[in-house]
C-alpha atoms as a PDB file:
ATOM      1  CA  HIS A   1       1.095  -5.987  26.587  1.00  0.00           C
ATOM      2  CA  PHE A   2       0.570  -3.012  24.211  1.00  0.00           C
ATOM      3  CA  ALA A   3      -2.236  -4.828  22.575  1.00  0.00           C
ATOM      4  CA  GLN A   4      -4.519  -5.179  25.524  1.00  0.00           C
ATOM      5  CA  ARG A   5      -3.602  -1.597  26.497  1.00  0.00           C
ATOM      6  CA  GLU A   6      -4.507  -0.375  23.493  1.00  0.00           C
ATOM      7  CA  ILE A   7      -7.763  -2.090  23.274  1.00  0.00           C
ATOM      8  CA  ALA A   8      -8.758  -1.346  26.412  1.00  0.00           C
ATOM      9  CA  ARG A   9      -8.066   2.371  25.353  1.00  0.00           C
ATOM     10  CA  LEU A  10     -10.133   2.450  22.555  1.00  0.00           C
ATOM     11  CA  LYS A  11     -13.097   0.688  23.837  1.00  0.00           C
ATOM     12  CA  GLU A  12     -12.928   4.060  26.386  1.00  0.00           C
ATOM     13  CA  LYS A  13     -12.236   5.910  23.730  1.00  0.00           C
ATOM     14  CA  ILE A  14     -15.467   4.927  21.070  1.00  0.00           C
ATOM     15  CA  ALA A  15     -18.053   4.019  24.029  1.00  0.00           C
ATOM     16  CA  ASN A  16     -20.576   2.297  21.987  1.00  0.00           C
ATOM     17  CA  ALA A  17     -20.108   4.588  18.571  1.00  0.00           C
ATOM     18  CA  LYS A  18     -19.249   2.856  14.831  1.00  0.00           C
ATOM     19  CA  VAL A  19     -15.819   3.344  13.143  1.00  0.00           C
ATOM     20  CA  LEU A  20     -15.456   3.206  10.207  1.00  0.00           C
ATOM     21  CA  CYS A  21     -12.532   1.555   9.406  1.00  0.00           C
ATOM     22  CA  ALA A  22     -10.315   1.943   6.077  1.00  0.00           C
ATOM     23  CA  VAL A  23      -8.229  -1.293   4.663  1.00  0.00           C
ATOM     24  CA  SER A  24      -5.655  -1.790   2.419  1.00  0.00           C
ATOM     25  CA  GLY A  25      -4.693  -5.170   2.808  1.00  0.00           C
ATOM     26  CA  GLY A  26      -1.093  -3.878   4.098  1.00  0.00           C
ATOM     27  CA  VAL A  27       0.093  -5.030   7.483  1.00  0.00           C
ATOM     28  CA  ASP A  28      -0.693  -1.338   9.591  1.00  0.00           C
ATOM     29  CA  SER A  29      -4.566  -1.155   8.283  1.00  0.00           C
ATOM     30  CA  THR A  30      -5.093  -5.046   9.351  1.00  0.00           C
ATOM     31  CA  VAL A  31      -3.410  -4.323  12.528  1.00  0.00           C
ATOM     32  CA  VAL A  32      -6.304  -1.156  12.879  1.00  0.00           C
ATOM     33  CA  ALA A  33      -8.622  -3.650  11.998  1.00  0.00           C
ATOM     34  CA  THR A  34      -7.931  -6.285  14.319  1.00  0.00           C
ATOM     35  CA  LEU A  35      -7.385  -4.270  17.298  1.00  0.00           C
ATOM     36  CA  LEU A  36     -10.240  -2.251  16.757  1.00  0.00           C
ATOM     37  CA  TYR A  37     -12.822  -5.376  16.382  1.00  0.00           C
ATOM     38  CA  ARG A  38     -11.469  -6.887  19.381  1.00  0.00           C
ATOM     39  CA  ALA A  39     -12.212  -3.649  21.037  1.00  0.00           C
ATOM     40  CA  ILE A  40     -15.357  -2.956  19.708  1.00  0.00           C
ATOM     41  CA  LYS A  41     -16.845  -5.903  17.745  1.00  0.00           C
ATOM     42  CA  ASP A  42     -19.742  -5.511  15.187  1.00  0.00           C
ATOM     43  CA  ASN A  43     -19.683  -1.866  16.174  1.00  0.00           C
ATOM     44  CA  LEU A  44     -16.006  -1.915  13.017  1.00  0.00           C
ATOM     45  CA  ILE A  45     -16.920  -1.452  10.028  1.00  0.00           C
ATOM     46  CA  ALA A  46     -14.188  -2.261   8.045  1.00  0.00           C
ATOM     47  CA  VAL A  47     -14.538  -1.448   4.698  1.00  0.00           C
ATOM     48  CA  PHE A  48     -11.838  -2.649   1.237  1.00  0.00           C
ATOM     49  CA  VAL A  49     -11.545  -0.162  -1.025  1.00  0.00           C
ATOM     50  CA  ASP A  50     -10.510  -2.251  -4.533  1.00  0.00           C
ATOM     51  CA  HIS A  51      -8.968   1.120  -6.378  1.00  0.00           C
ATOM     52  CA  GLY A  52      -7.427  -1.030  -9.080  1.00  0.00           C
ATOM     53  CA  LEU A  53      -4.069  -0.592  -8.009  1.00  0.00           C
ATOM     54  CA  LEU A  54      -3.530  -3.448  -6.374  1.00  0.00           C
ATOM     55  CA  ARG A  55      -1.108  -5.852  -6.898  1.00  0.00           C
ATOM     56  CA  LYS A  56      -2.216  -9.100  -8.517  1.00  0.00           C
ATOM     57  CA  ASN A  57      -5.227 -11.645  -6.559  1.00  0.00           C
ATOM     58  CA  GLU A  58      -4.893  -8.716  -3.914  1.00  0.00           C
ATOM     59  CA  LYS A  59      -8.844  -8.451  -3.651  1.00  0.00           C
ATOM     60  CA  GLU A  60      -8.484 -12.645  -3.168  1.00  0.00           C
ATOM     61  CA  ARG A  61      -6.593 -12.710  -0.861  1.00  0.00           C
ATOM     62  CA  VAL A  62      -7.459  -9.530   1.641  1.00  0.00           C
ATOM     63  CA  GLN A  63     -11.034 -11.796   1.438  1.00  0.00           C
ATOM     64  CA  ALA A  64      -9.336 -14.950   2.186  1.00  0.00           C
ATOM     65  CA  MET A  65      -7.178 -13.346   5.566  1.00  0.00           C
ATOM     66  CA  PHE A  66     -10.242 -11.082   6.879  1.00  0.00           C
ATOM     67  CA  LYS A  67     -12.435 -14.841   6.922  1.00  0.00           C
ATOM     68  CA  ASP A  68      -9.318 -16.564   8.745  1.00  0.00           C
ATOM     69  CA  LEU A  69      -9.531 -13.433  11.185  1.00  0.00           C
ATOM     70  CA  GLN A  70     -13.235 -13.874  11.528  1.00  0.00           C
ATOM     71  CA  ILE A  71     -13.731  -9.618  10.953  1.00  0.00           C
ATOM     72  CA  PRO A  72     -16.586  -8.699   8.726  1.00  0.00           C
ATOM     73  CA  LEU A  73     -15.462  -7.162   5.955  1.00  0.00           C
ATOM     74  CA  ASN A  74     -17.212  -4.679   3.110  1.00  0.00           C
ATOM     75  CA  THR A  75     -15.826  -4.767  -0.586  1.00  0.00           C
ATOM     76  CA  ILE A  76     -16.487  -1.977  -2.931  1.00  0.00           C
ATOM     77  CA  ASP A  77     -14.904  -2.438  -6.246  1.00  0.00           C
ATOM     78  CA  ALA A  78     -14.515   1.796  -6.884  1.00  0.00           C
ATOM     79  CA  LYS A  79     -12.105   0.555  -9.780  1.00  0.00           C
ATOM     80  CA  GLY A  80     -14.133   2.283 -12.170  1.00  0.00           C
ATOM     81  CA  ILE A  81     -14.390   6.593 -10.720  1.00  0.00           C
ATOM     82  CA  PHE A  82     -10.418   6.115  -9.858  1.00  0.00           C
ATOM     83  CA  LEU A  83      -9.163   5.239 -12.889  1.00  0.00           C
ATOM     84  CA  SER A  84     -11.622   7.814 -14.965  1.00  0.00           C
ATOM     85  CA  LYS A  85     -10.398  10.747 -12.360  1.00  0.00           C
ATOM     86  CA  LEU A  86      -6.359   9.729 -12.570  1.00  0.00           C
ATOM     87  CA  LYS A  87      -7.052   9.690 -16.674  1.00  0.00           C
ATOM     88  CA  GLY A  88      -4.180  12.590 -18.770  1.00  0.00           C
ATOM     89  CA  VAL A  89      -2.943  13.062 -14.994  1.00  0.00           C
ATOM     90  CA  SER A  90       0.949  12.803 -14.316  1.00  0.00           C
ATOM     91  CA  GLU A  91       2.068  14.721 -11.805  1.00  0.00           C
ATOM     92  CA  PRO A  92       2.936  12.408  -8.213  1.00  0.00           C
ATOM     93  CA  GLU A  93       1.487  15.059  -5.938  1.00  0.00           C
ATOM     94  CA  TRP A  94      -1.868  14.973  -7.740  1.00  0.00           C
ATOM     95  CA  LYS A  95      -2.275  11.485  -8.071  1.00  0.00           C
ATOM     96  CA  ARG A  96      -1.668  11.209  -4.258  1.00  0.00           C
ATOM     97  CA  LYS A  97      -3.902  13.800  -3.108  1.00  0.00           C
ATOM     98  CA  ILE A  98      -6.703  12.171  -5.740  1.00  0.00           C
ATOM     99  CA  ILE A  99      -6.335   9.340  -4.637  1.00  0.00           C
ATOM    100  CA  GLY A 100      -7.001  10.742  -1.211  1.00  0.00           C
ATOM    101  CA  GLU A 101      -9.570  12.936  -1.743  1.00  0.00           C
ATOM    102  CA  THR A 102     -11.575   9.532  -4.096  1.00  0.00           C
ATOM    103  CA  PHE A 103     -10.672   7.360  -0.835  1.00  0.00           C
ATOM    104  CA  ILE A 104     -12.887   9.343   1.652  1.00  0.00           C
ATOM    105  CA  GLU A 105     -15.375  10.157  -1.227  1.00  0.00           C
ATOM    106  CA  VAL A 106     -16.057   6.589  -1.552  1.00  0.00           C
ATOM    107  CA  PHE A 107     -15.899   5.766   2.344  1.00  0.00           C
ATOM    108  CA  GLU A 108     -18.342   8.388   3.084  1.00  0.00           C
ATOM    109  CA  LYS A 109     -20.596   7.179   0.326  1.00  0.00           C
ATOM    110  CA  GLU A 110     -20.351   3.747   2.132  1.00  0.00           C
ATOM    111  CA  ALA A 111     -20.385   5.514   5.641  1.00  0.00           C
ATOM    112  CA  LYS A 112     -24.234   6.587   4.497  1.00  0.00           C
ATOM    113  CA  LYS A 113     -24.981   3.214   3.959  1.00  0.00           C
ATOM    114  CA  HIS A 114     -24.279   2.490   7.354  1.00  0.00           C
ATOM    115  CA  HIS A 115     -25.243   5.561   9.424  1.00  0.00           C
ATOM    116  CA  LEU A 116     -28.578   4.658   8.622  1.00  0.00           C
ATOM    117  CA  LYS A 117     -28.593   1.780  11.215  1.00  0.00           C
ATOM    118  CA  GLY A 118     -27.032   4.696  13.748  1.00  0.00           C
ATOM    119  CA  LYS A 119     -24.783   7.632  13.295  1.00  0.00           C
ATOM    120  CA  ILE A 120     -20.742   6.588  12.554  1.00  0.00           C
ATOM    121  CA  GLU A 121     -18.898   8.795  14.791  1.00  0.00           C
ATOM    122  CA  PHE A 122     -14.936   7.928  13.586  1.00  0.00           C
ATOM    123  CA  LEU A 123     -12.059   7.464  11.451  1.00  0.00           C
ATOM    124  CA  ALA A 124      -9.415   4.629  11.661  1.00  0.00           C
ATOM    125  CA  GLN A 125      -6.675   4.706   9.628  1.00  0.00           C
ATOM    126  CA  GLY A 126      -3.346   2.883   9.779  1.00  0.00           C
ATOM    127  CA  THR A 127      -0.653   5.619   9.783  1.00  0.00           C
ATOM    128  CA  LEU A 128       2.319   4.727  11.293  1.00  0.00           C
ATOM    129  CA  TYR A 129       4.849   7.400  13.028  1.00  0.00           C
ATOM    130  CA  PRO A 130       7.531   7.419  10.204  1.00  0.00           C
ATOM    131  CA  ASP A 131       4.309   8.725   7.492  1.00  0.00           C
ATOM    132  CA  VAL A 132       3.664  11.392   9.644  1.00  0.00           C
ATOM    133  CA  ILE A 133       7.821  12.739  10.176  1.00  0.00           C
ATOM    134  CA  GLU A 134       7.772  12.784   6.392  1.00  0.00           C
ATOM    135  CA  SER A 135       3.961  14.838   5.752  1.00  0.00           C
ATOM    136  CA  VAL A 136       4.564  17.138   8.974  1.00  0.00           C
ATOM    137  CA  SER A 137       7.488  19.054  10.598  1.00  0.00           C
ATOM    138  CA  VAL A 138       6.755  17.189  13.800  1.00  0.00           C
ATOM    139  CA  LYS A 139       9.797  19.136  14.957  1.00  0.00           C
ATOM    140  CA  GLY A 140      10.751  22.174  13.522  1.00  0.00           C
ATOM    141  CA  PRO A 141      10.883  22.580   9.399  1.00  0.00           C
ATOM    142  CA  SER A 142      12.306  18.898   8.184  1.00  0.00           C
ATOM    143  CA  LYS A 143      10.720  19.778   4.831  1.00  0.00           C
ATOM    144  CA  VAL A 144       7.698  18.128   3.900  1.00  0.00           C
ATOM    145  CA  ILE A 145       8.906  15.275   1.472  1.00  0.00           C
ATOM    146  CA  LYS A 146       5.590  13.567   0.140  1.00  0.00           C
ATOM    147  CA  THR A 147       1.972  13.267   1.006  1.00  0.00           C
ATOM    148  CA  HIS A 148       0.889  10.181   2.270  1.00  0.00           C
ATOM    149  CA  HIS A 149      -2.610   9.665   1.325  1.00  0.00           C
ATOM    150  CA  ASN A 150      -3.381   8.628   4.843  1.00  0.00           C
ATOM    151  CA  VAL A 151      -1.872  11.618   6.755  1.00  0.00           C
ATOM    152  CA  GLY A 152      -2.814  15.063   4.821  1.00  0.00           C
ATOM    153  CA  GLY A 153      -4.730  15.694   2.122  1.00  0.00           C
ATOM    154  CA  LEU A 154      -7.864  14.770   3.820  1.00  0.00           C
ATOM    155  CA  PRO A 155     -11.136  16.934   2.639  1.00  0.00           C
ATOM    156  CA  GLU A 156     -11.451  19.276   4.755  1.00  0.00           C
ATOM    157  CA  TRP A 157     -15.896  19.104   4.997  1.00  0.00           C
ATOM    158  CA  MET A 158     -14.499  15.511   6.388  1.00  0.00           C
ATOM    159  CA  ASP A 159     -17.022  14.923   8.943  1.00  0.00           C
ATOM    160  CA  PHE A 160     -15.110  12.111  11.059  1.00  0.00           C
ATOM    161  CA  LYS A 161     -13.454  12.065  14.621  1.00  0.00           C
ATOM    162  CA  LEU A 162      -9.438  10.167  13.263  1.00  0.00           C
ATOM    163  CA  ILE A 163      -8.130   7.356  14.966  1.00  0.00           C
ATOM    164  CA  GLU A 164      -4.860   6.302  14.557  1.00  0.00           C
ATOM    165  CA  PRO A 165      -3.392   3.756  16.887  1.00  0.00           C
ATOM    166  CA  LEU A 166      -0.536   2.927  15.297  1.00  0.00           C
ATOM    167  CA  ARG A 167       0.551   6.746  15.133  1.00  0.00           C
ATOM    168  CA  GLU A 168       3.557   6.036  17.245  1.00  0.00           C
ATOM    169  CA  LEU A 169       4.741   3.423  15.992  1.00  0.00           C
ATOM    170  CA  PHE A 170       7.372   2.211  13.478  1.00  0.00           C
ATOM    171  CA  LYS A 171       7.112  -1.069  11.122  1.00  0.00           C
ATOM    172  CA  ASP A 172       8.348  -3.787  13.486  1.00  0.00           C
ATOM    173  CA  GLU A 173       6.416  -2.514  16.279  1.00  0.00           C
ATOM    174  CA  VAL A 174       3.599  -3.441  14.741  1.00  0.00           C
ATOM    175  CA  ARG A 175       4.161  -6.324  13.529  1.00  0.00           C
ATOM    176  CA  LEU A 176       5.048  -7.811  17.057  1.00  0.00           C
ATOM    177  CA  LEU A 177       1.441  -5.758  17.725  1.00  0.00           C
ATOM    178  CA  GLY A 178       0.224  -7.937  15.099  1.00  0.00           C
ATOM    179  CA  LYS A 179       2.044 -11.168  16.736  1.00  0.00           C
ATOM    180  CA  GLU A 180       0.604 -11.009  19.586  1.00  0.00           C
ATOM    181  CA  LEU A 181      -2.929 -10.274  17.770  1.00  0.00           C
ATOM    182  CA  GLY A 182      -2.564 -14.025  15.853  1.00  0.00           C
ATOM    183  CA  VAL A 183      -2.453 -12.291  12.463  1.00  0.00           C
ATOM    184  CA  SER A 184      -0.756 -14.660  10.708  1.00  0.00           C
ATOM    185  CA  GLN A 185       2.773 -14.612  10.383  1.00  0.00           C
ATOM    186  CA  ASP A 186       3.309 -15.310   6.666  1.00  0.00           C
ATOM    187  CA  PHE A 187       0.985 -12.228   6.339  1.00  0.00           C
ATOM    188  CA  LEU A 188       3.014 -10.072   8.824  1.00  0.00           C
ATOM    189  CA  MET A 189       5.764 -10.204   7.044  1.00  0.00           C
ATOM    190  CA  ARG A 190       4.547  -9.027   3.682  1.00  0.00           C
ATOM    191  CA  HIS A 191       6.116  -5.713   2.727  1.00  0.00           C
ATOM    192  CA  PRO A 192       5.111  -2.500   3.165  1.00  0.00           C
ATOM    193  CA  PHE A 193       2.093  -1.184  -0.238  1.00  0.00           C
ATOM    194  CA  PRO A 194       1.905   2.549  -0.459  1.00  0.00           C
ATOM    195  CA  GLY A 195      -1.713   3.669  -0.255  1.00  0.00           C
ATOM    196  CA  PRO A 196      -2.251   5.354  -3.520  1.00  0.00           C
ATOM    197  CA  GLY A 197      -0.688   1.536  -4.797  1.00  0.00           C
ATOM    198  CA  LEU A 198      -0.051   0.742  -7.728  1.00  0.00           C
ATOM    199  CA  ALA A 199       0.065   4.731  -9.285  1.00  0.00           C
ATOM    200  CA  VAL A 200       3.105   6.106  -7.832  1.00  0.00           C
ATOM    201  CA  ARG A 201       4.756   2.796  -9.292  1.00  0.00           C
ATOM    202  CA  ILE A 202       3.842   3.564 -13.290  1.00  0.00           C
ATOM    203  CA  LEU A 203       5.330   7.092 -14.108  1.00  0.00           C
ATOM    204  CA  GLY A 204       3.604   9.444 -15.566  1.00  0.00           C
ATOM    205  CA  GLU A 205      -0.117   8.245 -17.117  1.00  0.00           C
ATOM    206  CA  ILE A 206      -1.921   5.576 -15.939  1.00  0.00           C
ATOM    207  CA  ASN A 207      -3.955   3.532 -17.462  1.00  0.00           C
ATOM    208  CA  GLU A 208      -5.221  -0.473 -17.609  1.00  0.00           C
ATOM    209  CA  SER A 209      -2.602  -2.389 -19.249  1.00  0.00           C
ATOM    210  CA  LYS A 210       0.236  -0.323 -17.999  1.00  0.00           C
ATOM    211  CA  ILE A 211      -1.499  -1.571 -14.647  1.00  0.00           C
ATOM    212  CA  LYS A 212      -1.703  -5.221 -16.243  1.00  0.00           C
ATOM    213  CA  ARG A 213       2.001  -4.976 -16.759  1.00  0.00           C
ATOM    214  CA  LEU A 214       3.636  -3.513 -13.648  1.00  0.00           C
ATOM    215  CA  GLN A 215       0.822  -5.653 -11.966  1.00  0.00           C
ATOM    216  CA  GLU A 216       2.048  -9.286 -13.536  1.00  0.00           C
ATOM    217  CA  ALA A 217       6.181  -8.461 -13.276  1.00  0.00           C
ATOM    218  CA  ASP A 218       5.828  -7.245 -10.111  1.00  0.00           C
ATOM    219  CA  PHE A 219       4.228 -11.376  -9.171  1.00  0.00           C
ATOM    220  CA  ILE A 220       7.472 -12.424 -11.307  1.00  0.00           C
ATOM    221  CA  PHE A 221       9.720 -10.734  -8.966  1.00  0.00           C
ATOM    222  CA  ILE A 222       7.867 -10.876  -5.618  1.00  0.00           C
ATOM    223  CA  GLU A 223       7.669 -15.458  -6.778  1.00  0.00           C
ATOM    224  CA  GLU A 224      11.282 -15.462  -8.210  1.00  0.00           C
ATOM    225  CA  LEU A 225      12.445 -13.775  -4.493  1.00  0.00           C
ATOM    226  CA  LYS A 226      10.424 -16.261  -2.284  1.00  0.00           C
ATOM    227  CA  LYS A 227      11.423 -19.068  -4.280  1.00  0.00           C
ATOM    228  CA  ALA A 228      15.126 -17.729  -3.964  1.00  0.00           C
ATOM    229  CA  ASN A 229      14.854 -17.636   0.150  1.00  0.00           C
ATOM    230  CA  LEU A 230      14.785 -13.098  -0.544  1.00  0.00           C
ATOM    231  CA  TYR A 231      11.539 -12.354   0.547  1.00  0.00           C
ATOM    232  CA  ASP A 232      12.189 -11.914   4.568  1.00  0.00           C
ATOM    233  CA  LYS A 233      15.787 -10.570   3.645  1.00  0.00           C
ATOM    234  CA  VAL A 234      14.647  -7.456   2.222  1.00  0.00           C
ATOM    235  CA  TRP A 235      12.312  -4.817   3.717  1.00  0.00           C
ATOM    236  CA  GLN A 236      10.965  -3.691   0.328  1.00  0.00           C
ATOM    237  CA  ALA A 237      11.137  -4.810  -3.215  1.00  0.00           C
ATOM    238  CA  PHE A 238       8.586  -4.624  -5.938  1.00  0.00           C
ATOM    239  CA  CYS A 239       8.516  -3.103 -10.259  1.00  0.00           C
ATOM    240  CA  VAL A 240       8.079   0.252 -11.270  1.00  0.00           C
ATOM    241  CA  LEU A 241       6.684   0.952 -14.276  1.00  0.00           C
ATOM    242  CA  LEU A 242       8.829   3.125 -16.277  1.00  0.00           C
ATOM    243  CA  ASN A 243       7.528   6.149 -18.994  1.00  0.00           C
ATOM    244  CA  VAL A 244       9.871   4.967 -21.084  1.00  0.00           C
ATOM    245  CA  ASN A 245       9.977   3.141 -24.079  1.00  0.00           C
ATOM    246  CA  SER A 246      13.415   1.130 -25.320  1.00  0.00           C
ATOM    247  CA  VAL A 247      13.724  -0.130 -29.008  1.00  0.00           C
ATOM    248  CA  GLY A 248      14.667  -4.324 -28.630  1.00  0.00           C
ATOM    249  CA  VAL A 249      14.726  -7.238 -30.774  1.00  0.00           C
ATOM    250  CA  MET A 250      12.094  -9.567 -30.282  1.00  0.00           C
ATOM    251  CA  GLY A 251      13.109 -12.876 -32.576  1.00  0.00           C
ATOM    252  CA  ASP A 252      13.450 -11.447 -36.091  1.00  0.00           C
ATOM    253  CA  ASN A 253      11.661  -8.478 -35.319  1.00  0.00           C
ATOM    254  CA  ARG A 254      12.086  -4.548 -33.300  1.00  0.00           C
ATOM    255  CA  THR A 255      10.527  -3.645 -30.951  1.00  0.00           C
ATOM    256  CA  TYR A 256       9.149  -0.621 -29.529  1.00  0.00           C
ATOM    257  CA  GLU A 257       7.947  -0.997 -25.797  1.00  0.00           C
ATOM    258  CA  ASN A 258       8.502  -0.401 -22.119  1.00  0.00           C
ATOM    259  CA  ALA A 259      11.365  -0.457 -19.209  1.00  0.00           C
ATOM    260  CA  ILE A 260      10.873  -2.070 -15.650  1.00  0.00           C
ATOM    261  CA  CYS A 261      12.551  -1.400 -13.107  1.00  0.00           C
ATOM    262  CA  LEU A 262      13.414  -3.693 -10.566  1.00  0.00           C
ATOM    263  CA  ARG A 263      13.535  -1.828  -6.716  1.00  0.00           C
ATOM    264  CA  ALA A 264      14.946  -3.395  -3.515  1.00  0.00           C
ATOM    265  CA  VAL A 265      16.301  -2.086  -0.839  1.00  0.00           C
ATOM    266  CA  ASN A 266      16.655  -2.623   3.035  1.00  0.00           C
ATOM    267  CA  ALA A 267      16.133  -0.340   5.746  1.00  0.00           C
ATOM    268  CA  SER A 268      14.907  -1.210   9.373  1.00  0.00           C
ATOM    269  CA  ASP A 269      12.107   1.702  10.064  1.00  0.00           C
ATOM    270  CA  GLY A 270      11.728   3.025   6.249  1.00  0.00           C
ATOM    271  CA  MET A 271      13.508   6.540   7.123  1.00  0.00           C
ATOM    272  CA  THR A 272      16.835   5.326   5.366  1.00  0.00           C
ATOM    273  CA  ALA A 273      17.283   2.420   3.206  1.00  0.00           C
ATOM    274  CA  SER A 274      19.888   1.223   1.647  1.00  0.00           C
ATOM    275  CA  PHE A 275      19.631  -0.930  -1.515  1.00  0.00           C
ATOM    276  CA  SER A 276      19.583  -4.330  -2.054  1.00  0.00           C
ATOM    277  CA  PHE A 277      22.764  -6.310  -3.233  1.00  0.00           C
ATOM    278  CA  LEU A 278      20.999  -9.213  -5.530  1.00  0.00           C
ATOM    279  CA  GLU A 279      22.728 -11.782  -6.998  1.00  0.00           C
ATOM    280  CA  HIS A 280      23.095 -10.636 -10.954  1.00  0.00           C
ATOM    281  CA  SER A 281      22.005 -14.908 -11.985  1.00  0.00           C
ATOM    282  CA  PHE A 282      19.085 -13.892  -9.292  1.00  0.00           C
ATOM    283  CA  LEU A 283      18.290 -10.652 -11.403  1.00  0.00           C
ATOM    284  CA  GLU A 284      19.137 -12.573 -14.551  1.00  0.00           C
ATOM    285  CA  LYS A 285      16.347 -14.951 -14.613  1.00  0.00           C
ATOM    286  CA  VAL A 286      14.225 -12.223 -13.603  1.00  0.00           C
ATOM    287  CA  SER A 287      14.794 -10.342 -16.468  1.00  0.00           C
ATOM    288  CA  ASN A 288      14.141 -13.193 -18.669  1.00  0.00           C
ATOM    289  CA  ARG A 289      11.154 -14.416 -16.948  1.00  0.00           C
ATOM    290  CA  ILE A 290       9.577 -10.695 -17.277  1.00  0.00           C
ATOM    291  CA  THR A 291      11.071 -10.228 -21.036  1.00  0.00           C
ATOM    292  CA  ASN A 292       9.315 -13.259 -21.863  1.00  0.00           C
ATOM    293  CA  GLU A 293       6.047 -13.953 -20.186  1.00  0.00           C
ATOM    294  CA  VAL A 294       5.115  -9.697 -19.967  1.00  0.00           C
ATOM    295  CA  ASN A 295       3.369  -8.309 -22.874  1.00  0.00           C
ATOM    296  CA  GLY A 296       4.620  -4.895 -23.524  1.00  0.00           C
ATOM    297  CA  ILE A 297       7.787  -4.755 -21.691  1.00  0.00           C
ATOM    298  CA  ASN A 298      11.810  -5.440 -23.707  1.00  0.00           C
ATOM    299  CA  ARG A 299      14.015  -4.043 -21.023  1.00  0.00           C
ATOM    300  CA  VAL A 300      14.761  -4.323 -17.025  1.00  0.00           C
ATOM    301  CA  VAL A 301      16.858  -1.915 -15.200  1.00  0.00           C
ATOM    302  CA  TYR A 302      17.969  -2.485 -11.318  1.00  0.00           C
ATOM    303  CA  ASP A 303      18.164   0.354  -9.030  1.00  0.00           C
ATOM    304  CA  ILE A 304      21.037   1.370  -7.444  1.00  0.00           C
ATOM    305  CA  THR A 305      20.111   4.197  -5.310  1.00  0.00           C
ATOM    306  CA  SER A 306      19.771   4.335  -1.944  1.00  0.00           C
ATOM    307  CA  LYS A 307      17.583   6.516   0.798  1.00  0.00           C
ATOM    308  CA  PRO A 308      18.572   9.660   1.002  1.00  0.00           C
ATOM    309  CA  PRO A 309      19.169  10.897  -1.805  1.00  0.00           C
ATOM    310  CA  GLY A 310      16.696   8.457  -3.261  1.00  0.00           C
ATOM    311  CA  THR A 311      12.985   7.720  -1.561  1.00  0.00           C
ATOM    312  CA  ILE A 312      12.094   4.169  -1.762  1.00  0.00           C
ATOM    313  CA  GLU A 313       9.374   4.727  -4.103  1.00  0.00           C
ATOM    314  CA  TRP A 314       9.914   6.508  -7.072  1.00  0.00           C
ATOM    315  CA  GLU A 315       7.321   8.800  -7.046  1.00  0.00           C
END
């Protein structure tokens, strides 16, 4: 019973201190928040930052779920701050770094509000073992692949102690733990979503119209996967908005618009992955819907690269 052991361990470690917990709406941070709430009740300050780079309807979904779990949630609308800082930035590592640092900045500001009611000592995160391996050379020099925004990239002035209860777990183990804690199955089977959100799925510079375009296309892809009973059969599926325009035809007119890429992979732990063999008729249906329903997209491609050599995300 990992849950009971971990709850007891957290109680002992934290005692009467307050913990700020970053909630992203993903499986990992939700399980961490639930674990902490069971251990320390109202000494948990769960904070959900809407950085404007979430999936369509995501904020409402997260709020509803925390209401179900009866965990108080503080939602911060930080869209403006994030998008202004990302303006003009197209290099992937820079995007991750800016988002990581802005996250902590927003948190510290929120922490100060709660600080007056008693000092916050800890920051909790849903870091998993594969994140740790990819970001730090754990056993000798396995070269750093990319910065995971909740592992490295934390500013040096951050004065919280870190709590990472899932640090030694893989994704499937986190799901089992969530089940033990009573998190809904539908939620636990959600595909992994990157901390920096859609920022790493929009190649090149980010702006609101690109975010909207990607949200709409992604929503269609996921909806169709669920309708075809394929969602639970793939490890992760999403769209990537390419920084490529191509010529197309709409009625009698020539268009010059964005291309979007569908990505679906099978994996057991995210360390290696192979692209999913989706039926051509299914892909055609998704492609037709996206090009017909989403403004500004006239071409859909499917990514047939495994990991390695490619990573699951494009950035």
